[in-house]
Protein backbone atom coordinates (compact mmCIF):
# COMPACT_ATOMS: atom_id res chain seq x y z
CA UNK A 1 75.50 5.81 5.19
CA UNK A 2 77.17 4.75 1.93
CA UNK A 3 75.10 5.34 -1.17
CA UNK A 4 75.16 5.67 -4.93
CA UNK A 5 74.76 8.74 -7.07
CA UNK A 6 71.14 9.83 -7.68
CA UNK A 7 69.70 7.49 -10.28
CA UNK A 8 72.27 4.84 -9.34
CA UNK A 9 72.22 1.88 -7.03
CA UNK A 10 74.36 -0.05 -4.56
CA UNK A 11 74.59 -3.83 -4.60
CA UNK A 12 75.66 -5.59 -1.41
CA UNK A 13 77.13 -9.01 -2.24
CA UNK A 14 79.11 -11.78 -0.54
CA UNK A 15 82.71 -10.82 -1.24
CA UNK A 16 84.19 -14.28 -0.57
CA UNK A 17 81.70 -16.22 -2.70
CA UNK A 18 83.07 -17.30 -6.09
CA UNK A 19 79.59 -17.24 -7.67
CA UNK A 20 78.85 -13.77 -6.25
CA UNK A 21 82.16 -12.40 -7.52
CA UNK A 22 81.34 -13.85 -10.94
CA UNK A 23 77.98 -12.05 -10.78
CA UNK A 24 79.72 -8.76 -10.00
CA UNK A 25 82.17 -9.35 -12.86
CA UNK A 26 79.23 -9.95 -15.21
CA UNK A 27 77.60 -6.71 -14.07
CA UNK A 28 80.82 -4.73 -14.47
CA UNK A 29 81.06 -5.96 -18.09
CA UNK A 30 77.41 -5.21 -18.92
CA UNK A 31 76.71 -2.03 -16.91
CA UNK A 32 77.88 0.35 -19.64
CA UNK A 33 76.56 3.48 -17.90
CA UNK A 34 78.08 2.71 -14.49
CA UNK A 35 74.73 2.61 -12.69
CA UNK A 36 75.83 0.13 -10.03
CA UNK A 37 78.28 0.46 -7.19
CA UNK A 38 79.26 -2.50 -5.05
CA UNK A 39 79.86 -3.25 -1.39
CA UNK A 40 81.01 -6.63 -0.12
CA UNK A 41 78.99 -7.66 2.92
CA UNK A 42 82.27 -8.27 4.76
CA UNK A 43 83.19 -4.56 4.58
CA UNK A 44 82.06 -1.81 6.95
CA UNK A 45 80.01 -0.23 4.14
CA UNK A 46 78.30 -3.52 3.28
CA UNK A 47 77.56 -4.34 6.92
CA UNK A 48 76.15 -0.85 7.51
CA UNK A 49 73.84 -1.12 4.49
CA UNK A 50 72.59 -4.57 5.49
CA UNK A 51 71.92 -3.46 9.07
CA UNK A 52 70.25 -0.22 8.00
CA UNK A 53 67.79 -2.18 5.86
CA UNK A 54 66.92 -4.88 8.40
CA UNK A 55 69.20 -7.65 7.15
CA UNK A 56 71.62 -9.62 9.29
CA UNK A 57 75.23 -8.80 8.29
CA UNK A 58 76.21 -12.25 9.60
CA UNK A 59 73.85 -14.01 7.13
CA UNK A 60 75.70 -14.34 3.82
CA UNK A 61 72.53 -15.62 2.11
CA UNK A 62 71.10 -12.13 1.67
CA UNK A 63 71.47 -10.09 -1.51
CA UNK A 64 70.60 -6.40 -1.24
CA UNK A 65 69.94 -3.74 -3.87
CA UNK A 66 69.50 -0.12 -2.78
CA UNK A 67 68.32 2.11 -5.62
CA UNK A 68 68.66 5.88 -5.24
CA UNK A 69 66.19 7.68 -7.47
CA UNK A 70 66.33 11.46 -7.67
CA UNK A 71 64.01 13.08 -5.12
CA UNK A 72 62.70 9.82 -3.67
CA UNK A 73 63.43 7.53 -0.77
CA UNK A 74 65.75 4.63 -1.62
CA UNK A 75 64.04 1.57 -3.08
CA UNK A 76 65.12 -1.61 -1.31
CA UNK A 77 65.03 -5.03 -2.98
CA UNK A 78 66.33 -8.35 -1.72
CA UNK A 79 66.92 -11.84 -3.04
CA UNK A 80 65.12 -12.73 -6.31
CA UNK A 81 63.49 -9.29 -6.62
CA UNK A 82 66.93 -7.69 -6.33
CA UNK A 83 68.34 -9.94 -9.05
CA UNK A 84 65.40 -9.15 -11.34
CA UNK A 85 65.73 -5.39 -10.78
CA UNK A 86 69.52 -5.47 -11.26
CA UNK A 87 69.24 -7.29 -14.58
CA UNK A 88 66.41 -5.03 -15.80
CA UNK A 89 68.46 -2.01 -14.69
CA UNK A 90 71.11 -2.87 -17.27
CA UNK A 91 68.64 -1.65 -19.89
CA UNK A 92 68.14 -2.85 -23.44
CA UNK A 93 67.13 -6.49 -23.80
CA UNK A 94 67.95 -7.02 -20.11
CA UNK A 95 64.67 -5.24 -19.27
CA UNK A 96 62.95 -8.48 -20.20
CA UNK A 97 64.16 -9.84 -16.84
CA UNK A 98 60.97 -8.36 -15.39
CA UNK A 99 59.23 -11.46 -16.79
CA UNK A 100 60.69 -13.25 -13.75
CA UNK A 101 57.98 -11.49 -11.72
CA UNK A 102 55.42 -13.80 -13.34
CA UNK A 103 56.70 -16.53 -11.03
CA UNK A 104 55.34 -15.92 -7.51
CA UNK A 105 57.95 -14.33 -5.27
CA UNK A 106 57.60 -17.04 -2.64
CA UNK A 107 58.67 -19.67 -5.20
CA UNK A 108 61.48 -17.48 -6.59
CA UNK A 109 62.83 -16.77 -3.13
CA UNK A 110 62.77 -20.46 -2.13
CA UNK A 111 64.89 -21.19 -5.23
CA UNK A 112 67.17 -18.24 -4.44
CA UNK A 113 67.67 -19.39 -0.82
CA UNK A 114 68.41 -22.96 -2.00
CA UNK A 115 71.13 -21.65 -4.33
CA UNK A 116 72.45 -19.28 -1.64
CA UNK A 117 72.71 -22.08 0.94
CA UNK A 118 74.67 -24.29 -1.46
CA UNK A 119 76.81 -21.76 -3.35
CA UNK A 120 80.03 -22.34 -1.38
CA UNK A 121 79.78 -26.11 -1.86
CA UNK A 122 78.97 -25.87 -5.57
CA UNK A 123 81.11 -22.90 -6.63
CA UNK A 124 83.65 -22.44 -3.82
CA UNK A 125 84.78 -19.52 -1.73
CA UNK A 126 87.82 -17.29 -1.48
CA UNK A 127 89.79 -16.84 1.74
CA UNK A 128 89.29 -13.07 1.51
CA UNK A 129 87.39 -10.53 -0.57
CA UNK A 130 88.82 -9.94 -4.03
CA UNK A 131 90.53 -6.65 -4.78
CA UNK A 132 88.87 -4.84 -7.69
CA UNK A 133 90.88 -4.12 -10.82
CA UNK A 134 92.26 -0.55 -10.92
CA UNK A 135 89.72 0.49 -13.56
CA UNK A 136 86.83 -0.61 -11.34
CA UNK A 137 87.99 0.52 -7.87
CA UNK A 138 85.84 3.65 -7.93
CA UNK A 139 82.74 1.45 -8.30
CA UNK A 140 83.34 -0.24 -4.92
CA UNK A 141 82.47 1.27 -1.55
């Protein structure tokens, strides 16, 4: 099973989604300690992670975060909780993203699913997964 270093995390994202690739680019620019590794859901590693955590690899609406803390079982987050935890995991002022939890999860996830269902129409999609820049290749599974 693919995983991150202890204390790190793996993000499974839609590798053909323009919005999702923009999100990964944002994280690569702001994750100064290299906490996150990435797996496109279209890859074997991404599909394995989704399946192992009860998500349908054929459903590109899911967003998965698998956090690997030292000496503990992986912490699994999906959808709006995953986004909140990813942003807070960047540290510094980004920790304030936890304020998102004040909105009930049911409402947050409805908004997340609405965006996920419409992201190809609004932002577009690539024909294939993007190839990471040479300096970032080690961050992708």
